[in-house]
Amino acid sequence: MLGIIGGIIGTEARPGYSARGRHLEQLQETQACRRCDLEDADLSGAQLQGVDLRGANLNQANLEGANLEGANLEGAILTQTNLQGANLSRATVVEGQLGQAQLQGANLTQANFNFARLGRANLEGAQLQGAQFLSARLNHVNLAGADLAGTDFRSAVLNGADLQQVRWSQANFQGASLREATLQGSSGFGVNLNRANLVNADLTEVRLSEGRLTGAVAVGAIFADADLSGAALNLGDFQGADLSGANLQGAVLSEILLMGASLRGTNLTYSYLFGANLTAAQLQGTRFSGADLRGVLFRGADLTEADLTDAIIEGADFTDAVLTGATIPQV
């Protein structure tokens, strides 16, 4: 760190050098500079492992390629800061302000961003394995192509976020808000979306086998051609959602709300839908063979060409349902 910081100090000549220069010298000598003013500072490539920059102002600073492994940036201001390719593994950025920060390709593995604000930040292709974002605000953040394996987003807000093609096995989004987020083509297993808000989110072709969506609210969401095999969607609200062509084989959907939803050609073989509400749902060509449909409401639903072979239908209500060409077992 000494050589790089020293070079920066030696070439600092802009107005305001006095205060900033002193802060850079302090950082060089003590590896600590709490509440320092380093706005616009050029620290690109700097070796800053383990430094204490709590509450520091790094607004619009250049930290591209910097090594901040294990650094303490709690409460730091990093608005519009360039952190592209930086190493923040195991860093503490609790309550940090990173609105519109540039973090493309950055290493954030096992970093702590709890309660941080990252609105419209760019984390495309970043490594976030095992990082923590508990109750963080990430509205309209770009996480496309990022690795989120084991990342903790519990109660975080990611409304309008771009999570296309992310890898998110074992990620935890319990209670998170992902309204109108885009998750097309994302893949992983064991993802926790229990009680998550997925209203109007786009999860086209997402891979969520054995995912947990108990109590999730996904009104108007798109799950077309998604893999939800073995997933738990019980007690969820999926009214008006599009699950056409999705694979829900062996999934648990007990007491789910699917009124007006589209499940055309969906695979629900051997799934468990006890007490589900599919009133006015579009179920043309849907496969229910071997499914548990006890007490399911199919009122006004369109089951044209649906296959209910060997399904359990005791107590199911088909009032006003369209059953043209459907295969339904005798009760």
C-alpha atoms as a PDB file:
ATOM      1  CA  MET A   1       0.000   0.000   0.000  1.00  0.00           C
ATOM      2  CA  LEU A   2       2.791   2.462   0.842  1.00  0.00           C
ATOM      3  CA  GLY A   3       4.244   2.775  -2.650  1.00  0.00           C
ATOM      4  CA  ILE A   4       0.932   3.281  -4.392  1.00  0.00           C
ATOM      5  CA  ILE A   5      -0.473   5.743  -1.852  1.00  0.00           C
ATOM      6  CA  GLY A   6       2.811   7.598  -1.741  1.00  0.00           C
ATOM      7  CA  GLY A   7       2.761   8.019  -5.502  1.00  0.00           C
ATOM      8  CA  ILE A   8      -0.743   9.393  -5.339  1.00  0.00           C
ATOM      9  CA  ILE A   9       0.227  11.903  -2.656  1.00  0.00           C
ATOM     10  CA  GLY A  10       3.288  13.030  -4.606  1.00  0.00           C
ATOM     11  CA  THR A  11       1.277  13.794  -7.726  1.00  0.00           C
ATOM     12  CA  GLU A  12      -1.719  15.409  -5.979  1.00  0.00           C
ATOM     13  CA  ALA A  13      -1.911  18.971  -7.186  1.00  0.00           C
ATOM     14  CA  ARG A  14      -5.542  19.849  -7.474  1.00  0.00           C
ATOM     15  CA  PRO A  15      -7.274  22.430  -5.259  1.00  0.00           C
ATOM     16  CA  GLY A  16      -8.164  20.912  -1.910  1.00  0.00           C
ATOM     17  CA  TYR A  17      -4.917  18.947  -1.747  1.00  0.00           C
ATOM     18  CA  SER A  18      -4.172  20.097   1.783  1.00  0.00           C
ATOM     19  CA  ALA A  19      -7.073  18.256   3.426  1.00  0.00           C
ATOM     20  CA  ARG A  20      -7.096  15.334   1.047  1.00  0.00           C
ATOM     21  CA  GLY A  21      -3.334  14.984   1.086  1.00  0.00           C
ATOM     22  CA  ARG A  22      -3.276  14.854   4.872  1.00  0.00           C
ATOM     23  CA  HIS A  23      -5.969  12.178   4.802  1.00  0.00           C
ATOM     24  CA  LEU A  24      -4.041  10.135   2.264  1.00  0.00           C
ATOM     25  CA  GLU A  25      -0.910  10.423   4.388  1.00  0.00           C
ATOM     26  CA  GLN A  26      -2.879   9.316   7.424  1.00  0.00           C
ATOM     27  CA  LEU A  27      -4.193   6.335   5.488  1.00  0.00           C
ATOM     28  CA  GLN A  28      -0.666   5.479   4.365  1.00  0.00           C
ATOM     29  CA  GLU A  29       0.865   5.714   7.820  1.00  0.00           C
ATOM     30  CA  THR A  30      -1.878   4.213   9.985  1.00  0.00           C
ATOM     31  CA  GLN A  31      -4.038   2.197   7.579  1.00  0.00           C
ATOM     32  CA  ALA A  32      -6.981   4.009   9.157  1.00  0.00           C
ATOM     33  CA  CYS A  33      -8.793   7.163   8.133  1.00  0.00           C
ATOM     34  CA  ARG A  34     -12.247   7.299   9.635  1.00  0.00           C
ATOM     35  CA  ARG A  35     -14.589   9.935   8.198  1.00  0.00           C
ATOM     36  CA  CYS A  36     -11.848  11.112   5.855  1.00  0.00           C
ATOM     37  CA  ASP A  37     -12.676  13.194   2.814  1.00  0.00           C
ATOM     38  CA  LEU A  38     -11.318  11.270  -0.170  1.00  0.00           C
ATOM     39  CA  GLU A  39     -13.878  12.450  -2.689  1.00  0.00           C
ATOM     40  CA  ASP A  40     -12.638  12.112  -6.283  1.00  0.00           C
ATOM     41  CA  ALA A  41      -9.373  10.550  -5.060  1.00  0.00           C
ATOM     42  CA  ASP A  42      -7.549   8.292  -7.491  1.00  0.00           C
ATOM     43  CA  LEU A  43      -6.824   5.070  -5.620  1.00  0.00           C
ATOM     44  CA  SER A  44      -6.944   2.774  -8.613  1.00  0.00           C
ATOM     45  CA  GLY A  45      -4.946  -0.382  -8.026  1.00  0.00           C
ATOM     46  CA  ALA A  46      -4.166   0.615  -4.427  1.00  0.00           C
ATOM     47  CA  GLN A  47      -3.334  -2.094  -1.887  1.00  0.00           C
ATOM     48  CA  LEU A  48      -5.779  -1.314   0.918  1.00  0.00           C
ATOM     49  CA  GLN A  49      -6.237  -4.672   2.595  1.00  0.00           C
ATOM     50  CA  GLY A  50      -7.725  -4.384   6.063  1.00  0.00           C
ATOM     51  CA  VAL A  51      -7.835  -0.571   6.112  1.00  0.00           C
ATOM     52  CA  ASP A  52     -10.289   1.275   8.364  1.00  0.00           C
ATOM     53  CA  LEU A  53     -12.321   3.713   6.271  1.00  0.00           C
ATOM     54  CA  ARG A  54     -15.454   3.809   8.367  1.00  0.00           C
ATOM     55  CA  GLY A  55     -17.625   6.775   7.469  1.00  0.00           C
ATOM     56  CA  ALA A  56     -15.143   7.980   4.846  1.00  0.00           C
ATOM     57  CA  ASN A  57     -16.290  10.041   1.885  1.00  0.00           C
ATOM     58  CA  LEU A  58     -15.178   8.233  -1.267  1.00  0.00           C
ATOM     59  CA  ASN A  59     -17.809   9.775  -3.489  1.00  0.00           C
ATOM     60  CA  GLN A  60     -16.798   9.443  -7.159  1.00  0.00           C
ATOM     61  CA  ALA A  61     -13.373   8.120  -6.146  1.00  0.00           C
ATOM     62  CA  ASN A  62     -11.493   5.812  -8.478  1.00  0.00           C
ATOM     63  CA  LEU A  63     -10.832   2.450  -6.812  1.00  0.00           C
ATOM     64  CA  GLU A  64     -10.729   0.392  -9.970  1.00  0.00           C
ATOM     65  CA  GLY A  65      -8.748  -2.780  -9.365  1.00  0.00           C
ATOM     66  CA  ALA A  66      -8.021  -1.789  -5.761  1.00  0.00           C
ATOM     67  CA  ASN A  67      -7.499  -4.474  -3.134  1.00  0.00           C
ATOM     68  CA  LEU A  68      -9.850  -3.800  -0.213  1.00  0.00           C
ATOM     69  CA  GLU A  69      -9.928  -7.336   1.131  1.00  0.00           C
ATOM     70  CA  GLY A  70     -11.112  -7.292   4.742  1.00  0.00           C
ATOM     71  CA  ALA A  71     -11.421  -3.494   4.740  1.00  0.00           C
ATOM     72  CA  ASN A  72     -13.888  -1.761   7.065  1.00  0.00           C
ATOM     73  CA  LEU A  73     -16.075   0.624   5.058  1.00  0.00           C
ATOM     74  CA  GLU A  74     -18.996   0.731   7.442  1.00  0.00           C
ATOM     75  CA  GLY A  75     -21.114   3.797   6.718  1.00  0.00           C
ATOM     76  CA  ALA A  76     -18.744   4.944   3.955  1.00  0.00           C
ATOM     77  CA  ILE A  77     -19.996   7.065   1.064  1.00  0.00           C
ATOM     78  CA  LEU A  78     -19.184   5.322  -2.213  1.00  0.00           C
ATOM     79  CA  THR A  79     -21.749   6.998  -4.431  1.00  0.00           C
ATOM     80  CA  GLN A  80     -20.790   6.779  -8.123  1.00  0.00           C
ATOM     81  CA  THR A  81     -17.448   5.322  -7.046  1.00  0.00           C
ATOM     82  CA  ASN A  82     -15.511   3.242  -9.558  1.00  0.00           C
ATOM     83  CA  LEU A  83     -14.886  -0.176  -8.003  1.00  0.00           C
ATOM     84  CA  GLN A  84     -14.673  -2.153 -11.223  1.00  0.00           C
ATOM     85  CA  GLY A  85     -12.613  -5.295 -10.735  1.00  0.00           C
ATOM     86  CA  ALA A  86     -11.902  -4.344  -7.113  1.00  0.00           C
ATOM     87  CA  ASN A  87     -11.406  -6.947  -4.400  1.00  0.00           C
ATOM     88  CA  LEU A  88     -13.820  -6.407  -1.500  1.00  0.00           C
ATOM     89  CA  SER A  89     -13.851  -9.991  -0.283  1.00  0.00           C
ATOM     90  CA  ARG A  90     -14.663 -10.172   3.437  1.00  0.00           C
ATOM     91  CA  ALA A  91     -14.981  -6.376   3.535  1.00  0.00           C
ATOM     92  CA  THR A  92     -17.490  -4.726   5.888  1.00  0.00           C
ATOM     93  CA  VAL A  93     -19.711  -2.218   4.097  1.00  0.00           C
ATOM     94  CA  VAL A  94     -22.631  -2.183   6.539  1.00  0.00           C
ATOM     95  CA  GLU A  95     -24.878   0.858   5.926  1.00  0.00           C
ATOM     96  CA  GLY A  96     -22.606   1.959   3.103  1.00  0.00           C
ATOM     97  CA  GLN A  97     -23.948   4.267   0.411  1.00  0.00           C
ATOM     98  CA  LEU A  98     -23.153   2.882  -3.031  1.00  0.00           C
ATOM     99  CA  GLY A  99     -25.804   4.412  -5.239  1.00  0.00           C
ATOM    100  CA  GLN A 100     -24.775   4.188  -8.915  1.00  0.00           C
ATOM    101  CA  ALA A 101     -21.419   2.679  -7.938  1.00  0.00           C
ATOM    102  CA  GLN A 102     -19.551   0.757 -10.625  1.00  0.00           C
ATOM    103  CA  LEU A 103     -18.758  -2.759  -9.376  1.00  0.00           C
ATOM    104  CA  GLN A 104     -18.585  -4.737 -12.601  1.00  0.00           C
ATOM    105  CA  GLY A 105     -16.516  -7.869 -12.148  1.00  0.00           C
ATOM    106  CA  ALA A 106     -15.742  -7.003  -8.527  1.00  0.00           C
ATOM    107  CA  ASN A 107     -15.023  -9.685  -5.920  1.00  0.00           C
ATOM    108  CA  LEU A 108     -17.526  -9.317  -3.067  1.00  0.00           C
ATOM    109  CA  THR A 109     -17.304 -12.858  -1.720  1.00  0.00           C
ATOM    110  CA  GLN A 110     -18.255 -13.086   1.968  1.00  0.00           C
ATOM    111  CA  ALA A 111     -18.494  -9.284   2.198  1.00  0.00           C
ATOM    112  CA  ASN A 112     -21.052  -7.697   4.526  1.00  0.00           C
ATOM    113  CA  PHE A 113     -23.383  -5.167   2.879  1.00  0.00           C
ATOM    114  CA  ASN A 114     -26.178  -5.395   5.442  1.00  0.00           C
ATOM    115  CA  PHE A 115     -28.458  -2.327   5.381  1.00  0.00           C
ATOM    116  CA  ALA A 116     -26.377  -0.761   2.586  1.00  0.00           C
ATOM    117  CA  ARG A 117     -27.895   1.313  -0.211  1.00  0.00           C
ATOM    118  CA  LEU A 118     -26.911   0.301  -3.733  1.00  0.00           C
ATOM    119  CA  GLY A 119     -29.667   1.801  -5.864  1.00  0.00           C
ATOM    120  CA  ARG A 120     -28.826   1.600  -9.592  1.00  0.00           C
ATOM    121  CA  ALA A 121     -25.355   0.209  -8.848  1.00  0.00           C
ATOM    122  CA  ASN A 122     -23.763  -1.921 -11.554  1.00  0.00           C
ATOM    123  CA  LEU A 123     -22.576  -5.338 -10.336  1.00  0.00           C
ATOM    124  CA  GLU A 124     -22.681  -7.101 -13.671  1.00  0.00           C
ATOM    125  CA  GLY A 125     -20.604 -10.267 -13.570  1.00  0.00           C
ATOM    126  CA  ALA A 126     -19.563  -9.673  -9.944  1.00  0.00           C
ATOM    127  CA  GLN A 127     -18.699 -12.487  -7.529  1.00  0.00           C
ATOM    128  CA  LEU A 128     -21.001 -12.382  -4.493  1.00  0.00           C
ATOM    129  CA  GLN A 129     -20.733 -15.918  -3.140  1.00  0.00           C
ATOM    130  CA  GLY A 130     -21.549 -15.974   0.558  1.00  0.00           C
ATOM    131  CA  ALA A 131     -21.990 -12.192   0.773  1.00  0.00           C
ATOM    132  CA  GLN A 132     -24.616 -10.635   3.057  1.00  0.00           C
ATOM    133  CA  PHE A 133     -27.172  -8.044   1.952  1.00  0.00           C
ATOM    134  CA  LEU A 134     -29.641  -8.293   4.822  1.00  0.00           C
ATOM    135  CA  SER A 135     -32.295  -5.539   4.440  1.00  0.00           C
ATOM    136  CA  ALA A 136     -30.116  -3.774   1.862  1.00  0.00           C
ATOM    137  CA  ARG A 137     -31.736  -1.558  -0.763  1.00  0.00           C
ATOM    138  CA  LEU A 138     -30.804  -2.540  -4.318  1.00  0.00           C
ATOM    139  CA  ASN A 139     -33.541  -1.012  -6.426  1.00  0.00           C
ATOM    140  CA  HIS A 140     -32.789  -1.198 -10.167  1.00  0.00           C
ATOM    141  CA  VAL A 141     -29.364  -2.706  -9.513  1.00  0.00           C
ATOM    142  CA  ASN A 142     -27.651  -4.572 -12.348  1.00  0.00           C
ATOM    143  CA  LEU A 143     -26.612  -8.061 -11.242  1.00  0.00           C
ATOM    144  CA  ALA A 144     -26.768  -9.704 -14.658  1.00  0.00           C
ATOM    145  CA  GLY A 145     -24.481 -12.720 -14.884  1.00  0.00           C
ATOM    146  CA  ALA A 146     -23.371 -12.407 -11.260  1.00  0.00           C
ATOM    147  CA  ASP A 147     -22.605 -15.395  -9.027  1.00  0.00           C
ATOM    148  CA  LEU A 148     -24.959 -15.256  -6.030  1.00  0.00           C
ATOM    149  CA  ALA A 149     -24.385 -18.752  -4.674  1.00  0.00           C
ATOM    150  CA  GLY A 150     -25.114 -18.774  -0.948  1.00  0.00           C
ATOM    151  CA  THR A 151     -25.689 -15.012  -0.859  1.00  0.00           C
ATOM    152  CA  ASP A 152     -28.032 -13.673   1.832  1.00  0.00           C
ATOM    153  CA  PHE A 153     -30.628 -11.172   0.566  1.00  0.00           C
ATOM    154  CA  ARG A 154     -33.177 -11.657   3.331  1.00  0.00           C
ATOM    155  CA  SER A 155     -35.632  -8.738   3.510  1.00  0.00           C
ATOM    156  CA  ALA A 156     -33.617  -6.866   0.869  1.00  0.00           C
ATOM    157  CA  VAL A 157     -35.337  -4.637  -1.698  1.00  0.00           C
ATOM    158  CA  LEU A 158     -34.441  -5.395  -5.325  1.00  0.00           C
ATOM    159  CA  ASN A 159     -37.390  -3.863  -7.133  1.00  0.00           C
ATOM    160  CA  GLY A 160     -36.747  -3.510 -10.850  1.00  0.00           C
ATOM    161  CA  ALA A 161     -33.363  -5.229 -10.519  1.00  0.00           C
ATOM    162  CA  ASP A 162     -31.698  -7.037 -13.420  1.00  0.00           C
ATOM    163  CA  LEU A 163     -30.760 -10.570 -12.348  1.00  0.00           C
ATOM    164  CA  GLN A 164     -30.683 -12.201 -15.757  1.00  0.00           C
ATOM    165  CA  GLN A 165     -28.530 -15.311 -16.024  1.00  0.00           C
ATOM    166  CA  VAL A 166     -27.404 -15.176 -12.381  1.00  0.00           C
ATOM    167  CA  ARG A 167     -26.176 -18.310 -10.638  1.00  0.00           C
ATOM    168  CA  TRP A 168     -27.970 -18.461  -7.299  1.00  0.00           C
ATOM    169  CA  SER A 169     -27.851 -21.925  -5.774  1.00  0.00           C
ATOM    170  CA  GLN A 170     -28.688 -21.818  -2.052  1.00  0.00           C
ATOM    171  CA  ALA A 171     -29.189 -18.039  -2.181  1.00  0.00           C
ATOM    172  CA  ASN A 172     -31.588 -16.694   0.454  1.00  0.00           C
ATOM    173  CA  PHE A 173     -34.215 -14.150  -0.655  1.00  0.00           C
ATOM    174  CA  GLN A 174     -36.663 -14.842   2.149  1.00  0.00           C
ATOM    175  CA  GLY A 175     -38.969 -11.854   2.602  1.00  0.00           C
ATOM    176  CA  ALA A 176     -37.150  -9.910  -0.125  1.00  0.00           C
ATOM    177  CA  SER A 177     -38.940  -7.635  -2.574  1.00  0.00           C
ATOM    178  CA  LEU A 178     -38.268  -8.344  -6.250  1.00  0.00           C
ATOM    179  CA  ARG A 179     -41.197  -6.488  -7.785  1.00  0.00           C
ATOM    180  CA  GLU A 180     -40.791  -6.145 -11.552  1.00  0.00           C
ATOM    181  CA  ALA A 181     -37.309  -7.676 -11.355  1.00  0.00           C
ATOM    182  CA  THR A 182     -35.926  -9.539 -14.363  1.00  0.00           C
ATOM    183  CA  LEU A 183     -34.540 -13.007 -13.607  1.00  0.00           C
ATOM    184  CA  GLN A 184     -34.708 -14.605 -17.041  1.00  0.00           C
ATOM    185  CA  GLY A 185     -32.536 -17.682 -17.447  1.00  0.00           C
ATOM    186  CA  SER A 186     -31.188 -17.638 -13.895  1.00  0.00           C
ATOM    187  CA  SER A 187     -30.263 -21.035 -12.537  1.00  0.00           C
ATOM    188  CA  GLY A 188     -29.709 -22.736  -9.210  1.00  0.00           C
ATOM    189  CA  PHE A 189     -31.164 -25.190  -6.736  1.00  0.00           C
ATOM    190  CA  GLY A 190     -32.447 -24.788  -3.221  1.00  0.00           C
ATOM    191  CA  VAL A 191     -33.067 -21.044  -3.608  1.00  0.00           C
ATOM    192  CA  ASN A 192     -35.104 -19.614  -0.721  1.00  0.00           C
ATOM    193  CA  LEU A 193     -37.856 -17.243  -1.901  1.00  0.00           C
ATOM    194  CA  ASN A 194     -40.230 -17.891   0.972  1.00  0.00           C
ATOM    195  CA  ARG A 195     -42.578 -14.899   1.441  1.00  0.00           C
ATOM    196  CA  ALA A 196     -40.744 -13.003  -1.304  1.00  0.00           C
ATOM    197  CA  ASN A 197     -42.550 -10.338  -3.326  1.00  0.00           C
ATOM    198  CA  LEU A 198     -42.325 -11.308  -7.004  1.00  0.00           C
ATOM    199  CA  VAL A 199     -45.218  -9.208  -8.311  1.00  0.00           C
ATOM    200  CA  ASN A 200     -44.848  -8.711 -12.080  1.00  0.00           C
ATOM    201  CA  ALA A 201     -41.339 -10.196 -12.020  1.00  0.00           C
ATOM    202  CA  ASP A 202     -40.042 -11.984 -15.115  1.00  0.00           C
ATOM    203  CA  LEU A 203     -38.701 -15.472 -14.355  1.00  0.00           C
ATOM    204  CA  THR A 204     -38.940 -16.858 -17.881  1.00  0.00           C
ATOM    205  CA  GLU A 205     -36.923 -20.086 -18.250  1.00  0.00           C
ATOM    206  CA  VAL A 206     -35.562 -19.761 -14.728  1.00  0.00           C
ATOM    207  CA  ARG A 207     -34.159 -22.927 -13.135  1.00  0.00           C
ATOM    208  CA  LEU A 208     -35.521 -23.245  -9.594  1.00  0.00           C
ATOM    209  CA  SER A 209     -35.671 -26.966  -8.951  1.00  0.00           C
ATOM    210  CA  GLU A 210     -36.392 -27.662  -5.284  1.00  0.00           C
ATOM    211  CA  GLY A 211     -36.792 -23.938  -4.749  1.00  0.00           C
ATOM    212  CA  ARG A 212     -38.734 -22.643  -1.764  1.00  0.00           C
ATOM    213  CA  LEU A 213     -41.520 -20.161  -2.532  1.00  0.00           C
ATOM    214  CA  THR A 214     -43.871 -20.826   0.374  1.00  0.00           C
ATOM    215  CA  GLY A 215     -46.078 -17.795   0.918  1.00  0.00           C
ATOM    216  CA  ALA A 216     -44.519 -15.925  -2.006  1.00  0.00           C
ATOM    217  CA  VAL A 217     -46.603 -13.227  -3.707  1.00  0.00           C
ATOM    218  CA  ALA A 218     -46.139 -13.515  -7.464  1.00  0.00           C
ATOM    219  CA  VAL A 219     -49.244 -11.853  -8.866  1.00  0.00           C
ATOM    220  CA  GLY A 220     -48.791 -11.287 -12.587  1.00  0.00           C
ATOM    221  CA  ALA A 221     -45.305 -12.826 -12.580  1.00  0.00           C
ATOM    222  CA  ILE A 222     -43.972 -14.758 -15.578  1.00  0.00           C
ATOM    223  CA  PHE A 223     -42.639 -18.289 -15.052  1.00  0.00           C
ATOM    224  CA  ALA A 224     -43.044 -19.456 -18.643  1.00  0.00           C
ATOM    225  CA  ASP A 225     -40.976 -22.579 -19.403  1.00  0.00           C
ATOM    226  CA  ALA A 226     -39.422 -22.419 -15.928  1.00  0.00           C
ATOM    227  CA  ASP A 227     -38.121 -25.486 -14.102  1.00  0.00           C
ATOM    228  CA  LEU A 228     -39.845 -25.601 -10.715  1.00  0.00           C
ATOM    229  CA  SER A 229     -39.713 -29.363 -10.287  1.00  0.00           C
ATOM    230  CA  GLY A 230     -39.899 -30.362  -6.645  1.00  0.00           C
ATOM    231  CA  ALA A 231     -40.381 -26.750  -5.579  1.00  0.00           C
ATOM    232  CA  ALA A 232     -42.609 -25.615  -2.709  1.00  0.00           C
ATOM    233  CA  LEU A 233     -45.164 -22.971  -3.736  1.00  0.00           C
ATOM    234  CA  ASN A 234     -47.732 -23.714  -1.064  1.00  0.00           C
ATOM    235  CA  LEU A 235     -49.742 -20.832   0.404  1.00  0.00           C
ATOM    236  CA  GLY A 236     -48.463 -18.556  -2.369  1.00  0.00           C
ATOM    237  CA  ASP A 237     -50.430 -15.946  -4.293  1.00  0.00           C
ATOM    238  CA  PHE A 238     -49.864 -16.482  -8.025  1.00  0.00           C
ATOM    239  CA  GLN A 239     -53.070 -14.898  -9.322  1.00  0.00           C
ATOM    240  CA  GLY A 240     -52.795 -13.980 -12.981  1.00  0.00           C
ATOM    241  CA  ALA A 241     -49.291 -15.444 -13.225  1.00  0.00           C
ATOM    242  CA  ASP A 242     -48.005 -17.083 -16.402  1.00  0.00           C
ATOM    243  CA  LEU A 243     -46.661 -20.585 -15.753  1.00  0.00           C
ATOM    244  CA  SER A 244     -47.294 -21.887 -19.250  1.00  0.00           C
ATOM    245  CA  GLY A 245     -44.952 -24.689 -20.249  1.00  0.00           C
ATOM    246  CA  ALA A 246     -43.355 -24.746 -16.805  1.00  0.00           C
ATOM    247  CA  ASN A 247     -42.158 -27.953 -15.167  1.00  0.00           C
ATOM    248  CA  LEU A 248     -43.794 -28.367 -11.750  1.00  0.00           C
ATOM    249  CA  GLN A 249     -43.458 -32.115 -11.526  1.00  0.00           C
ATOM    250  CA  GLY A 250     -43.604 -33.213  -7.899  1.00  0.00           C
ATOM    251  CA  ALA A 251     -44.050 -29.634  -6.684  1.00  0.00           C
ATOM    252  CA  VAL A 252     -46.064 -28.705  -3.595  1.00  0.00           C
ATOM    253  CA  LEU A 253     -48.813 -26.183  -4.388  1.00  0.00           C
ATOM    254  CA  SER A 254     -51.266 -26.817  -1.571  1.00  0.00           C
ATOM    255  CA  GLU A 255     -53.647 -23.903  -0.886  1.00  0.00           C
ATOM    256  CA  ILE A 256     -51.975 -21.791  -3.576  1.00  0.00           C
ATOM    257  CA  LEU A 257     -53.984 -19.027  -5.265  1.00  0.00           C
ATOM    258  CA  LEU A 258     -53.872 -19.419  -9.062  1.00  0.00           C
ATOM    259  CA  MET A 259     -57.078 -17.640 -10.052  1.00  0.00           C
ATOM    260  CA  GLY A 260     -56.886 -16.489 -13.646  1.00  0.00           C
ATOM    261  CA  ALA A 261     -53.368 -17.865 -14.033  1.00  0.00           C
ATOM    262  CA  SER A 262     -52.096 -19.433 -17.252  1.00  0.00           C
ATOM    263  CA  LEU A 263     -50.786 -22.986 -16.981  1.00  0.00           C
ATOM    264  CA  ARG A 264     -51.168 -24.034 -20.602  1.00  0.00           C
ATOM    265  CA  GLY A 265     -49.121 -27.162 -21.234  1.00  0.00           C
ATOM    266  CA  THR A 266     -47.662 -27.052 -17.739  1.00  0.00           C
ATOM    267  CA  ASN A 267     -46.306 -30.269 -16.226  1.00  0.00           C
ATOM    268  CA  LEU A 268     -47.991 -30.847 -12.861  1.00  0.00           C
ATOM    269  CA  THR A 269     -47.596 -34.604 -12.796  1.00  0.00           C
ATOM    270  CA  TYR A 270     -47.395 -36.058  -9.286  1.00  0.00           C
ATOM    271  CA  SER A 271     -47.696 -32.593  -7.795  1.00  0.00           C
ATOM    272  CA  TYR A 272     -49.605 -31.822  -4.605  1.00  0.00           C
ATOM    273  CA  LEU A 273     -52.376 -29.200  -5.004  1.00  0.00           C
ATOM    274  CA  PHE A 274     -54.656 -29.970  -2.066  1.00  0.00           C
ATOM    275  CA  GLY A 275     -57.029 -27.035  -1.541  1.00  0.00           C
ATOM    276  CA  ALA A 276     -55.562 -24.948  -4.383  1.00  0.00           C
ATOM    277  CA  ASN A 277     -57.715 -22.314  -6.087  1.00  0.00           C
ATOM    278  CA  LEU A 278     -57.526 -22.457  -9.906  1.00  0.00           C
ATOM    279  CA  THR A 279     -60.759 -20.598 -10.590  1.00  0.00           C
ATOM    280  CA  ALA A 280     -60.864 -19.318 -14.191  1.00  0.00           C
ATOM    281  CA  ALA A 281     -57.328 -20.601 -14.811  1.00  0.00           C
ATOM    282  CA  GLN A 282     -56.117 -21.456 -18.312  1.00  0.00           C
ATOM    283  CA  LEU A 283     -55.242 -25.170 -18.136  1.00  0.00           C
ATOM    284  CA  GLN A 284     -55.371 -26.250 -21.761  1.00  0.00           C
ATOM    285  CA  GLY A 285     -53.207 -29.325 -22.250  1.00  0.00           C
ATOM    286  CA  THR A 286     -51.977 -29.222 -18.660  1.00  0.00           C
ATOM    287  CA  ARG A 287     -50.719 -32.549 -17.307  1.00  0.00           C
ATOM    288  CA  PHE A 288     -52.084 -33.498 -13.873  1.00  0.00           C
ATOM    289  CA  SER A 289     -51.498 -37.258 -14.044  1.00  0.00           C
ATOM    290  CA  GLY A 290     -50.889 -38.732 -10.594  1.00  0.00           C
ATOM    291  CA  ALA A 291     -51.440 -35.354  -8.918  1.00  0.00           C
ATOM    292  CA  ASP A 292     -53.280 -34.835  -5.623  1.00  0.00           C
ATOM    293  CA  LEU A 293     -56.171 -32.529  -6.550  1.00  0.00           C
ATOM    294  CA  ARG A 294     -58.367 -33.044  -3.508  1.00  0.00           C
ATOM    295  CA  GLY A 295     -60.504 -30.006  -2.796  1.00  0.00           C
ATOM    296  CA  VAL A 296     -59.103 -28.026  -5.738  1.00  0.00           C
ATOM    297  CA  LEU A 297     -61.362 -25.309  -7.143  1.00  0.00           C
ATOM    298  CA  PHE A 298     -61.520 -25.549 -10.947  1.00  0.00           C
ATOM    299  CA  ARG A 299     -64.572 -23.307 -11.250  1.00  0.00           C
ATOM    300  CA  GLY A 300     -64.766 -21.703 -14.687  1.00  0.00           C
ATOM    301  CA  ALA A 301     -61.309 -23.017 -15.594  1.00  0.00           C
ATOM    302  CA  ASP A 302     -60.483 -24.187 -19.116  1.00  0.00           C
ATOM    303  CA  LEU A 303     -59.164 -27.764 -18.963  1.00  0.00           C
ATOM    304  CA  THR A 304     -59.414 -28.469 -22.690  1.00  0.00           C
ATOM    305  CA  GLU A 305     -57.275 -31.535 -23.481  1.00  0.00           C
ATOM    306  CA  ALA A 306     -55.960 -31.601 -19.894  1.00  0.00           C
ATOM    307  CA  ASP A 307     -54.691 -34.956 -18.639  1.00  0.00           C
ATOM    308  CA  LEU A 308     -55.852 -35.950 -15.139  1.00  0.00           C
ATOM    309  CA  THR A 309     -55.078 -39.647 -15.499  1.00  0.00           C
ATOM    310  CA  ASP A 310     -54.703 -41.316 -12.071  1.00  0.00           C
ATOM    311  CA  ALA A 311     -55.140 -37.960 -10.336  1.00  0.00           C
ATOM    312  CA  ILE A 312     -56.906 -37.858  -6.958  1.00  0.00           C
ATOM    313  CA  ILE A 313     -59.917 -35.550  -7.448  1.00  0.00           C
ATOM    314  CA  GLU A 314     -62.110 -36.165  -4.389  1.00  0.00           C
ATOM    315  CA  GLY A 315     -63.828 -32.936  -3.411  1.00  0.00           C
ATOM    316  CA  ALA A 316     -62.563 -31.049  -6.483  1.00  0.00           C
ATOM    317  CA  ASP A 317     -65.038 -28.490  -7.866  1.00  0.00           C
ATOM    318  CA  PHE A 318     -65.390 -28.409 -11.680  1.00  0.00           C
ATOM    319  CA  THR A 319     -68.419 -26.097 -11.768  1.00  0.00           C
ATOM    320  CA  ASP A 320     -68.643 -24.287 -15.134  1.00  0.00           C
ATOM    321  CA  ALA A 321     -65.224 -25.657 -16.144  1.00  0.00           C
ATOM    322  CA  VAL A 322     -64.479 -26.427 -19.790  1.00  0.00           C
ATOM    323  CA  LEU A 323     -63.612 -30.131 -20.018  1.00  0.00           C
ATOM    324  CA  THR A 324     -63.537 -30.661 -23.780  1.00  0.00           C
ATOM    325  CA  GLY A 325     -61.190 -33.545 -24.541  1.00  0.00           C
ATOM    326  CA  ALA A 326     -59.971 -33.720 -20.961  1.00  0.00           C
ATOM    327  CA  THR A 327     -59.072 -37.080 -19.398  1.00  0.00           C
ATOM    328  CA  ILE A 328     -60.675 -37.179 -15.959  1.00  0.00           C
ATOM    329  CA  PRO A 329     -60.814 -40.252 -13.670  1.00  0.00           C
ATOM    330  CA  GLN A 330     -64.085 -41.458 -12.272  1.00  0.00           C
ATOM    331  CA  VAL A 331     -64.656 -40.533  -8.640  1.00  0.00           C
END
